[in-house]
Amino acid sequence: RLDVIVDVSHLNEVSFYDVAAQAKRPFVATHSNAFIVCPHPRNLKDDQIRRIIETSGLIGLNFYTAFITADKMPDFDDFSRHIDHFLHLGGEDVLALGSDYDGADMPDFLNSAEKVEILYSSVVKCYGKKIADKIFYENAAGFMKKYREGK
């Protein structure tokens, strides 16, 4: 048996639930946002988000324009609506960054890795340092550590 981390980011909803039913360990959505905020078919619906939270998985916030808003160039407020929704569902400990910089269209405020520092400052201002640190590194590092330890 292979002990790999399963990423559900590119799965359709049926396949997501197949993974959820079979998974013995937490799984991840490395670059996905909230469907209720932006109805892109690859964004996660609330029940999917809850499943990842319940299993102590990980969800990486995607910077891709079409995953943030459907009808305009996103700004930080649009991006933060996804954070708000994940936090509302109890996702404080599963949120991370999942930029998807490899060829996707990015909003102006996130169009290069150099702007991540500005994003961090904005998240600190909106949500506080504790939440920002969790999203920016603690949750992902903690997930990898627990996974390596077999938890």
Protein backbone atom coordinates (compact mmCIF):
# COMPACT_ATOMS: atom_id res chain seq x y z
CA ARG A 1 0.00 0.00 0.00
CA LEU A 2 1.30 3.43 -0.91
CA ASP A 3 1.14 6.11 1.74
CA VAL A 4 0.56 9.19 -0.38
CA ILE A 5 -1.28 12.43 0.27
CA VAL A 6 -4.33 12.52 -1.99
CA ASP A 7 -5.10 15.90 -3.60
CA VAL A 8 -8.77 16.34 -4.57
CA SER A 9 -8.32 19.75 -6.24
CA HIS A 10 -8.94 18.47 -9.79
CA LEU A 11 -11.66 15.96 -8.93
CA ASN A 12 -15.33 16.35 -9.73
CA GLU A 13 -17.82 16.09 -6.88
CA VAL A 14 -18.52 12.35 -7.35
CA SER A 15 -14.81 11.53 -7.33
CA PHE A 16 -14.30 13.72 -4.25
CA TYR A 17 -16.81 11.61 -2.32
CA ASP A 18 -15.23 8.39 -3.61
CA VAL A 19 -11.93 9.57 -2.11
CA ALA A 20 -13.64 10.69 1.11
CA ALA A 21 -15.28 7.27 1.49
CA GLN A 22 -12.04 5.34 0.93
CA ALA A 23 -9.46 7.60 2.57
CA LYS A 24 -7.84 6.23 5.71
CA ARG A 25 -5.80 9.40 6.21
CA PRO A 26 -6.53 13.12 5.82
CA PHE A 27 -6.57 14.41 2.25
CA VAL A 28 -6.01 17.84 0.75
CA ALA A 29 -7.38 20.31 -1.77
CA THR A 30 -4.13 22.12 -2.51
CA HIS A 31 -5.65 24.88 -4.63
CA SER A 32 -9.41 25.33 -4.19
CA ASN A 33 -11.74 28.06 -2.99
CA ALA A 34 -15.35 28.18 -1.76
CA PHE A 35 -18.06 27.44 -4.33
CA ILE A 36 -20.67 29.46 -2.44
CA VAL A 37 -18.48 32.57 -2.83
CA CYS A 38 -17.54 31.91 -6.47
CA PRO A 39 -19.44 29.14 -8.29
CA HIS A 40 -16.53 27.76 -10.29
CA PRO A 41 -17.02 23.98 -10.76
CA ARG A 42 -13.61 23.25 -9.20
CA ASN A 43 -14.31 25.22 -6.03
CA LEU A 44 -15.43 23.26 -2.98
CA LYS A 45 -19.02 23.07 -1.81
CA ASP A 46 -19.72 23.45 1.90
CA ASP A 47 -20.14 19.73 2.55
CA GLN A 48 -16.80 19.05 0.88
CA ILE A 49 -15.16 21.74 3.01
CA ARG A 50 -16.69 20.22 6.14
CA ARG A 51 -15.36 16.76 5.19
CA ILE A 52 -11.84 18.12 4.87
CA ILE A 53 -12.18 19.96 8.18
CA GLU A 54 -13.56 16.84 9.93
CA THR A 55 -10.61 14.75 8.76
CA SER A 56 -8.01 17.44 9.61
CA GLY A 57 -7.02 17.79 5.97
CA LEU A 58 -5.74 20.92 4.28
CA ILE A 59 -7.25 23.45 1.85
CA GLY A 60 -4.97 25.78 -0.10
CA LEU A 61 -6.53 29.10 -1.09
CA ASN A 62 -6.22 29.48 -4.86
CA PHE A 63 -5.08 32.78 -6.37
CA TYR A 64 -6.50 32.03 -9.85
CA THR A 65 -8.82 34.87 -10.88
CA ALA A 66 -11.70 32.63 -12.02
CA PHE A 67 -11.71 30.80 -8.67
CA ILE A 68 -12.02 34.06 -6.70
CA THR A 69 -14.77 35.90 -8.63
CA ALA A 70 -16.86 35.08 -11.66
CA ASP A 71 -17.46 38.51 -13.10
CA LYS A 72 -14.59 40.93 -12.47
CA MET A 73 -10.91 41.27 -11.68
CA PRO A 74 -10.73 40.27 -8.01
CA ASP A 75 -9.34 42.45 -5.28
CA PHE A 76 -8.36 41.60 -1.72
CA ASP A 77 -11.95 41.98 -0.50
CA ASP A 78 -13.08 39.32 -2.98
CA PHE A 79 -10.27 37.00 -1.88
CA SER A 80 -11.05 37.61 1.79
CA ARG A 81 -14.67 36.51 1.27
CA HIS A 82 -13.30 33.01 0.70
CA ILE A 83 -11.30 33.21 3.93
CA ASP A 84 -14.40 34.50 5.75
CA HIS A 85 -16.44 31.56 4.50
CA PHE A 86 -13.86 28.93 5.41
CA LEU A 87 -13.51 30.45 8.87
CA HIS A 88 -17.31 30.54 9.26
CA LEU A 89 -17.35 26.78 8.59
CA GLY A 90 -14.64 26.18 11.20
CA GLY A 91 -11.68 25.93 8.85
CA GLU A 92 -9.16 27.95 10.85
CA ASP A 93 -6.87 24.93 11.23
CA VAL A 94 -7.06 23.63 7.65
CA LEU A 95 -6.51 26.78 5.56
CA ALA A 96 -3.24 27.34 3.73
CA LEU A 97 -2.01 29.05 0.57
CA GLY A 98 -2.36 27.20 -2.73
CA SER A 99 -1.35 29.91 -5.15
CA ASP A 100 -1.37 27.96 -8.46
CA TYR A 101 1.09 30.42 -10.03
CA ASP A 102 2.00 28.06 -12.89
CA GLY A 103 0.22 29.64 -15.83
CA ALA A 104 -3.12 30.77 -14.41
CA ASP A 105 -4.39 34.34 -14.57
CA MET A 106 -3.81 36.10 -11.27
CA PRO A 107 -5.45 39.22 -9.87
CA ASP A 108 -3.29 42.34 -9.90
CA PHE A 109 -2.78 42.27 -6.13
CA LEU A 110 -1.40 38.69 -6.35
CA ASN A 111 0.21 38.55 -9.79
CA SER A 112 3.71 37.72 -8.53
CA ALA A 113 5.24 35.90 -5.59
CA GLU A 114 6.73 39.19 -4.43
CA LYS A 115 3.21 40.36 -3.54
CA VAL A 116 2.62 37.55 -1.05
CA GLU A 117 4.28 39.67 1.65
CA ILE A 118 1.68 42.39 1.02
CA LEU A 119 -1.04 39.74 1.13
CA TYR A 120 0.28 38.59 4.50
CA SER A 121 0.09 42.15 5.86
CA SER A 122 -3.49 42.47 4.59
CA VAL A 123 -4.51 39.17 6.18
CA VAL A 124 -2.91 40.21 9.49
CA LYS A 125 -4.80 43.50 9.35
CA CYS A 126 -8.12 41.75 8.65
CA TYR A 127 -7.86 38.58 10.75
CA GLY A 128 -4.95 39.06 13.14
CA LYS A 129 -1.48 37.55 13.27
CA LYS A 130 -2.62 34.20 14.71
CA ILE A 131 -4.94 33.44 11.76
CA ALA A 132 -2.46 34.84 9.23
CA ASP A 133 0.35 32.65 10.54
CA LYS A 134 -1.90 29.59 10.38
CA ILE A 135 -2.88 30.30 6.78
CA PHE A 136 0.60 31.28 5.62
CA TYR A 137 2.62 28.43 7.13
CA GLU A 138 1.55 26.84 10.40
CA ASN A 139 -1.35 24.76 9.08
CA ALA A 140 0.59 23.38 6.12
CA ALA A 141 3.70 22.66 8.20
CA GLY A 142 1.59 21.05 10.92
CA PHE A 143 -0.28 18.92 8.41
CA MET A 144 2.96 17.63 6.86
CA LYS A 145 4.46 16.89 10.29
CA LYS A 146 1.38 14.96 11.43
CA TYR A 147 1.18 13.09 8.13
CA ARG A 148 4.85 12.07 8.34
CA GLU A 149 4.27 10.84 11.88
CA GLY A 150 1.37 8.70 10.70
CA LYS A 151 -1.36 10.67 12.44
